Amino acid sequence: MGNKLYVGNLPFSATEAELTEAFSQCGTVTSAKIITDRETGRSKGFGFVEMSSDAEANDAITKFNGADYAGRPMTVNEAKPMVPREGGRGFGGGGGGRGGRY
């Protein structure tokens, strides 16, 4: 198991400092990051917390998965590696060309 955790179903008002404080109940938090929208800067309602050991991460999953956080049940599990998106840069499909006889 890894020591990086996905934390979902967070209220949009949650802060990285609050996540660090909450998860420090289970051990040393090496980083806490809330993911924000690039355009608006508003929270997307999820983030990642990295614990200093696998045992601490496992303890945090047991303690916080489904636990109430500002009236919402948190989702906490092991973070999966990011999978590259398919399709390159969005220049998909389409023939172009002239379309008829000339």
N, C-alpha and C. Protein backbone atom coordinates (compact mmCIF):
# COMPACT_ATOMS: atom_id res chain seq x y z
N MET A 1 0.84 -1.19 0.00
CA MET A 1 0.00 0.00 0.00
C MET A 1 0.88 1.24 0.00
N GLY A 2 0.41 2.29 -0.65
CA GLY A 2 1.14 3.56 -0.68
C GLY A 2 0.73 4.45 0.48
N ASN A 3 1.46 5.52 0.65
CA ASN A 3 1.14 6.44 1.73
C ASN A 3 0.48 7.72 1.24
N LYS A 4 0.10 7.76 -0.04
CA LYS A 4 -0.62 8.90 -0.58
C LYS A 4 -2.10 8.55 -0.66
N LEU A 5 -2.94 9.42 -0.11
CA LEU A 5 -4.37 9.15 0.00
C LEU A 5 -5.20 10.12 -0.83
N TYR A 6 -6.24 9.60 -1.45
CA TYR A 6 -7.26 10.42 -2.11
C TYR A 6 -8.30 10.75 -1.05
N VAL A 7 -8.68 12.01 -0.96
CA VAL A 7 -9.71 12.44 -0.01
C VAL A 7 -10.79 13.15 -0.81
N GLY A 8 -11.98 12.54 -0.86
CA GLY A 8 -13.05 13.08 -1.68
C GLY A 8 -14.26 13.48 -0.86
N ASN A 9 -15.22 14.11 -1.55
CA ASN A 9 -16.47 14.60 -0.99
C ASN A 9 -16.23 15.65 0.09
N LEU A 10 -15.23 16.49 -0.17
CA LEU A 10 -14.93 17.58 0.77
C LEU A 10 -15.84 18.77 0.48
N PRO A 11 -16.18 19.53 1.51
CA PRO A 11 -16.91 20.78 1.25
C PRO A 11 -15.98 21.75 0.51
N PHE A 12 -16.55 22.62 -0.31
CA PHE A 12 -15.73 23.55 -1.09
C PHE A 12 -14.98 24.54 -0.18
N SER A 13 -15.40 24.64 1.08
CA SER A 13 -14.75 25.56 2.01
C SER A 13 -13.54 24.94 2.71
N ALA A 14 -13.29 23.65 2.51
CA ALA A 14 -12.18 22.97 3.19
C ALA A 14 -10.84 23.57 2.75
N THR A 15 -9.90 23.62 3.70
CA THR A 15 -8.57 24.15 3.40
C THR A 15 -7.51 23.07 3.60
N GLU A 16 -6.34 23.31 3.03
CA GLU A 16 -5.23 22.38 3.19
C GLU A 16 -4.79 22.31 4.65
N ALA A 17 -4.84 23.44 5.35
CA ALA A 17 -4.46 23.47 6.76
C ALA A 17 -5.41 22.61 7.59
N GLU A 18 -6.71 22.66 7.28
CA GLU A 18 -7.69 21.84 8.00
C GLU A 18 -7.45 20.35 7.74
N LEU A 19 -7.14 20.00 6.49
CA LEU A 19 -6.85 18.60 6.17
C LEU A 19 -5.62 18.13 6.94
N THR A 20 -4.58 18.95 6.95
CA THR A 20 -3.36 18.60 7.67
C THR A 20 -3.65 18.37 9.14
N GLU A 21 -4.42 19.27 9.72
CA GLU A 21 -4.75 19.16 11.15
C GLU A 21 -5.55 17.89 11.43
N ALA A 22 -6.55 17.62 10.61
CA ALA A 22 -7.39 16.44 10.83
C ALA A 22 -6.59 15.14 10.69
N PHE A 23 -5.82 15.02 9.61
CA PHE A 23 -5.10 13.78 9.34
C PHE A 23 -3.90 13.60 10.25
N SER A 24 -3.43 14.67 10.89
CA SER A 24 -2.30 14.53 11.81
C SER A 24 -2.69 13.73 13.06
N GLN A 25 -3.99 13.47 13.25
CA GLN A 25 -4.43 12.60 14.34
C GLN A 25 -3.93 11.17 14.14
N CYS A 26 -3.61 10.83 12.88
CA CYS A 26 -3.17 9.47 12.55
C CYS A 26 -1.66 9.37 12.34
N GLY A 27 -0.96 10.49 12.42
CA GLY A 27 0.49 10.46 12.23
C GLY A 27 0.97 11.74 11.57
N THR A 28 2.16 11.67 11.00
CA THR A 28 2.78 12.84 10.38
C THR A 28 2.29 13.02 8.95
N VAL A 29 1.74 14.19 8.67
CA VAL A 29 1.28 14.52 7.33
C VAL A 29 2.44 15.22 6.62
N THR A 30 2.91 14.62 5.51
CA THR A 30 4.02 15.23 4.79
C THR A 30 3.54 16.24 3.76
N SER A 31 2.30 16.09 3.28
CA SER A 31 1.72 17.10 2.39
C SER A 31 0.21 16.94 2.34
N ALA A 32 -0.47 18.05 2.08
CA ALA A 32 -1.92 18.05 1.89
C ALA A 32 -2.22 19.03 0.77
N LYS A 33 -2.97 18.60 -0.21
CA LYS A 33 -3.25 19.45 -1.38
C LYS A 33 -4.72 19.31 -1.76
N ILE A 34 -5.41 20.44 -1.83
CA ILE A 34 -6.78 20.46 -2.33
C ILE A 34 -6.72 20.88 -3.78
N ILE A 35 -7.39 20.14 -4.64
CA ILE A 35 -7.36 20.42 -6.07
C ILE A 35 -8.36 21.52 -6.38
N THR A 36 -7.90 22.51 -7.14
CA THR A 36 -8.74 23.66 -7.48
C THR A 36 -8.91 23.78 -8.99
N ASP A 37 -9.98 24.42 -9.38
CA ASP A 37 -10.24 24.69 -10.78
C ASP A 37 -9.25 25.73 -11.29
N ARG A 38 -8.66 25.49 -12.44
CA ARG A 38 -7.65 26.42 -12.99
C ARG A 38 -8.22 27.81 -13.26
N GLU A 39 -9.44 27.84 -13.76
CA GLU A 39 -10.03 29.11 -14.18
C GLU A 39 -10.53 29.95 -13.00
N THR A 40 -11.25 29.29 -12.07
CA THR A 40 -11.89 30.03 -10.99
C THR A 40 -11.11 30.02 -9.68
N GLY A 41 -10.21 29.04 -9.51
CA GLY A 41 -9.48 28.90 -8.27
C GLY A 41 -10.31 28.26 -7.16
N ARG A 42 -11.54 27.88 -7.47
CA ARG A 42 -12.43 27.27 -6.49
C ARG A 42 -12.10 25.78 -6.32
N SER A 43 -12.27 25.29 -5.10
CA SER A 43 -12.01 23.88 -4.81
C SER A 43 -12.90 22.99 -5.66
N LYS A 44 -12.36 21.84 -6.08
CA LYS A 44 -13.14 20.86 -6.81
C LYS A 44 -13.77 19.82 -5.87
N GLY A 45 -13.52 19.96 -4.57
CA GLY A 45 -14.15 19.07 -3.60
C GLY A 45 -13.37 17.80 -3.31
N PHE A 46 -12.12 17.75 -3.74
CA PHE A 46 -11.28 16.60 -3.41
C PHE A 46 -9.83 17.04 -3.32
N GLY A 47 -9.02 16.16 -2.75
CA GLY A 47 -7.61 16.48 -2.62
C GLY A 47 -6.81 15.23 -2.30
N PHE A 48 -5.57 15.46 -1.92
CA PHE A 48 -4.65 14.36 -1.61
C PHE A 48 -3.89 14.69 -0.33
N VAL A 49 -3.71 13.66 0.49
CA VAL A 49 -2.93 13.79 1.72
C VAL A 49 -1.87 12.72 1.68
N GLU A 50 -0.64 13.10 1.98
CA GLU A 50 0.45 12.15 2.01
C GLU A 50 0.92 11.99 3.45
N MET A 51 0.90 10.75 3.92
CA MET A 51 1.34 10.44 5.28
C MET A 51 2.79 9.97 5.23
N SER A 52 3.46 9.98 6.39
CA SER A 52 4.88 9.63 6.40
C SER A 52 5.14 8.12 6.31
N SER A 53 4.12 7.29 6.56
CA SER A 53 4.32 5.85 6.45
C SER A 53 3.04 5.16 5.97
N ASP A 54 3.20 3.96 5.46
CA ASP A 54 2.05 3.18 5.01
C ASP A 54 1.11 2.86 6.16
N ALA A 55 1.67 2.58 7.33
CA ALA A 55 0.85 2.25 8.50
C ALA A 55 -0.04 3.43 8.89
N GLU A 56 0.53 4.63 8.86
CA GLU A 56 -0.25 5.83 9.19
C GLU A 56 -1.34 6.06 8.14
N ALA A 57 -1.01 5.83 6.87
CA ALA A 57 -2.00 5.99 5.80
C ALA A 57 -3.14 5.00 5.98
N ASN A 58 -2.81 3.76 6.32
CA ASN A 58 -3.83 2.74 6.55
C ASN A 58 -4.72 3.12 7.72
N ASP A 59 -4.12 3.65 8.77
CA ASP A 59 -4.87 4.10 9.94
C ASP A 59 -5.82 5.24 9.57
N ALA A 60 -5.35 6.17 8.74
CA ALA A 60 -6.17 7.30 8.30
C ALA A 60 -7.37 6.83 7.47
N ILE A 61 -7.15 5.84 6.60
CA ILE A 61 -8.26 5.30 5.81
C ILE A 61 -9.31 4.70 6.74
N THR A 62 -8.86 3.90 7.70
CA THR A 62 -9.77 3.27 8.65
C THR A 62 -10.55 4.31 9.45
N LYS A 63 -9.86 5.35 9.88
CA LYS A 63 -10.50 6.36 10.74
C LYS A 63 -11.40 7.32 9.97
N PHE A 64 -10.99 7.76 8.77
CA PHE A 64 -11.70 8.84 8.10
C PHE A 64 -12.62 8.45 6.95
N ASN A 65 -12.46 7.26 6.36
CA ASN A 65 -13.34 6.89 5.25
C ASN A 65 -14.78 6.76 5.77
N GLY A 66 -15.67 7.60 5.24
CA GLY A 66 -17.07 7.61 5.68
C GLY A 66 -17.33 8.52 6.85
N ALA A 67 -16.27 9.08 7.44
CA ALA A 67 -16.44 9.97 8.60
C ALA A 67 -17.02 11.31 8.16
N ASP A 68 -17.76 11.94 9.07
CA ASP A 68 -18.39 13.23 8.79
C ASP A 68 -17.35 14.35 8.78
N TYR A 69 -17.37 15.16 7.73
CA TYR A 69 -16.51 16.34 7.64
C TYR A 69 -17.40 17.49 7.18
N ALA A 70 -17.74 18.38 8.09
CA ALA A 70 -18.62 19.52 7.80
C ALA A 70 -19.94 19.06 7.19
N GLY A 71 -20.49 17.98 7.74
CA GLY A 71 -21.79 17.51 7.29
C GLY A 71 -21.76 16.60 6.07
N ARG A 72 -20.58 16.23 5.62
CA ARG A 72 -20.46 15.37 4.44
C ARG A 72 -19.62 14.14 4.78
N PRO A 73 -20.02 12.96 4.28
CA PRO A 73 -19.20 11.77 4.53
C PRO A 73 -17.99 11.75 3.60
N MET A 74 -16.80 11.81 4.19
CA MET A 74 -15.57 11.81 3.40
C MET A 74 -15.33 10.46 2.74
N THR A 75 -14.71 10.49 1.59
CA THR A 75 -14.20 9.29 0.94
C THR A 75 -12.69 9.34 1.06
N VAL A 76 -12.11 8.33 1.68
CA VAL A 76 -10.65 8.29 1.85
C VAL A 76 -10.18 6.91 1.43
N ASN A 77 -9.29 6.87 0.44
CA ASN A 77 -8.68 5.61 0.03
C ASN A 77 -7.32 5.87 -0.58
N GLU A 78 -6.62 4.79 -0.91
CA GLU A 78 -5.29 4.93 -1.48
C GLU A 78 -5.39 5.62 -2.84
N ALA A 79 -4.54 6.60 -3.06
CA ALA A 79 -4.53 7.32 -4.34
C ALA A 79 -3.97 6.41 -5.42
N LYS A 80 -4.63 6.44 -6.56
CA LYS A 80 -4.16 5.65 -7.70
C LYS A 80 -3.28 6.54 -8.56
N PRO A 81 -2.29 5.98 -9.25
CA PRO A 81 -1.44 6.79 -10.11
C PRO A 81 -2.26 7.45 -11.22
N MET A 82 -1.87 8.65 -11.58
CA MET A 82 -2.58 9.37 -12.63
C MET A 82 -2.34 8.69 -13.97
N VAL A 83 -3.43 8.46 -14.69
CA VAL A 83 -3.35 7.82 -16.00
C VAL A 83 -3.38 8.92 -17.05
N PRO A 84 -2.44 8.90 -18.01
CA PRO A 84 -2.44 9.94 -19.03
C PRO A 84 -3.74 9.91 -19.84
N ARG A 85 -4.23 11.08 -20.16
CA ARG A 85 -5.45 11.17 -20.96
C ARG A 85 -5.15 10.83 -22.40
N GLU A 86 -6.13 10.23 -23.04
CA GLU A 86 -5.95 9.88 -24.44
C GLU A 86 -6.39 11.05 -25.32
N GLY A 87 -5.95 11.03 -26.56
CA GLY A 87 -6.41 12.03 -27.51
C GLY A 87 -5.49 13.21 -27.67
N GLY A 88 -4.38 13.21 -27.02
CA GLY A 88 -3.42 14.30 -27.22
C GLY A 88 -3.94 15.63 -26.76
N ARG A 89 -3.92 16.61 -27.64
CA ARG A 89 -4.25 17.98 -27.26
C ARG A 89 -5.62 18.42 -27.75
N GLY A 90 -6.49 17.49 -28.06
CA GLY A 90 -7.84 17.88 -28.43
C GLY A 90 -8.02 18.16 -29.91
N PHE A 91 -7.07 17.76 -30.73
CA PHE A 91 -7.20 17.97 -32.16
C PHE A 91 -7.76 16.72 -32.81
N GLY A 92 -8.84 16.22 -32.28
CA GLY A 92 -9.36 14.93 -32.71
C GLY A 92 -10.12 14.98 -34.01
N GLY A 93 -10.16 13.86 -34.66
CA GLY A 93 -11.03 13.53 -35.78
C GLY A 93 -11.20 14.59 -36.84
N GLY A 94 -12.06 14.27 -37.74
CA GLY A 94 -12.42 15.25 -38.77
C GLY A 94 -11.51 15.19 -39.96
N GLY A 95 -12.09 15.21 -41.10
CA GLY A 95 -11.31 15.08 -42.32
C GLY A 95 -10.73 16.37 -42.80
N GLY A 96 -11.51 17.40 -42.81
CA GLY A 96 -11.01 18.63 -43.43
C GLY A 96 -11.08 18.46 -44.93
N GLY A 97 -10.17 18.99 -45.62
CA GLY A 97 -10.18 18.85 -47.07
C GLY A 97 -11.23 19.73 -47.72
N ARG A 98 -11.46 19.49 -48.99
CA ARG A 98 -12.35 20.35 -49.76
C ARG A 98 -13.77 19.83 -49.85
N GLY A 99 -14.01 18.60 -49.63
CA GLY A 99 -15.37 18.10 -49.51
C GLY A 99 -16.14 17.92 -50.80
N GLY A 100 -15.78 18.49 -51.90
CA GLY A 100 -16.55 18.32 -53.12
C GLY A 100 -15.64 18.38 -54.33
N ARG A 101 -16.25 18.23 -55.49
CA ARG A 101 -15.43 18.28 -56.71
C ARG A 101 -15.25 19.72 -57.17
N TYR A 102 -14.08 19.99 -57.66
CA TYR A 102 -13.77 21.34 -58.17
C TYR A 102 -13.12 21.24 -59.50
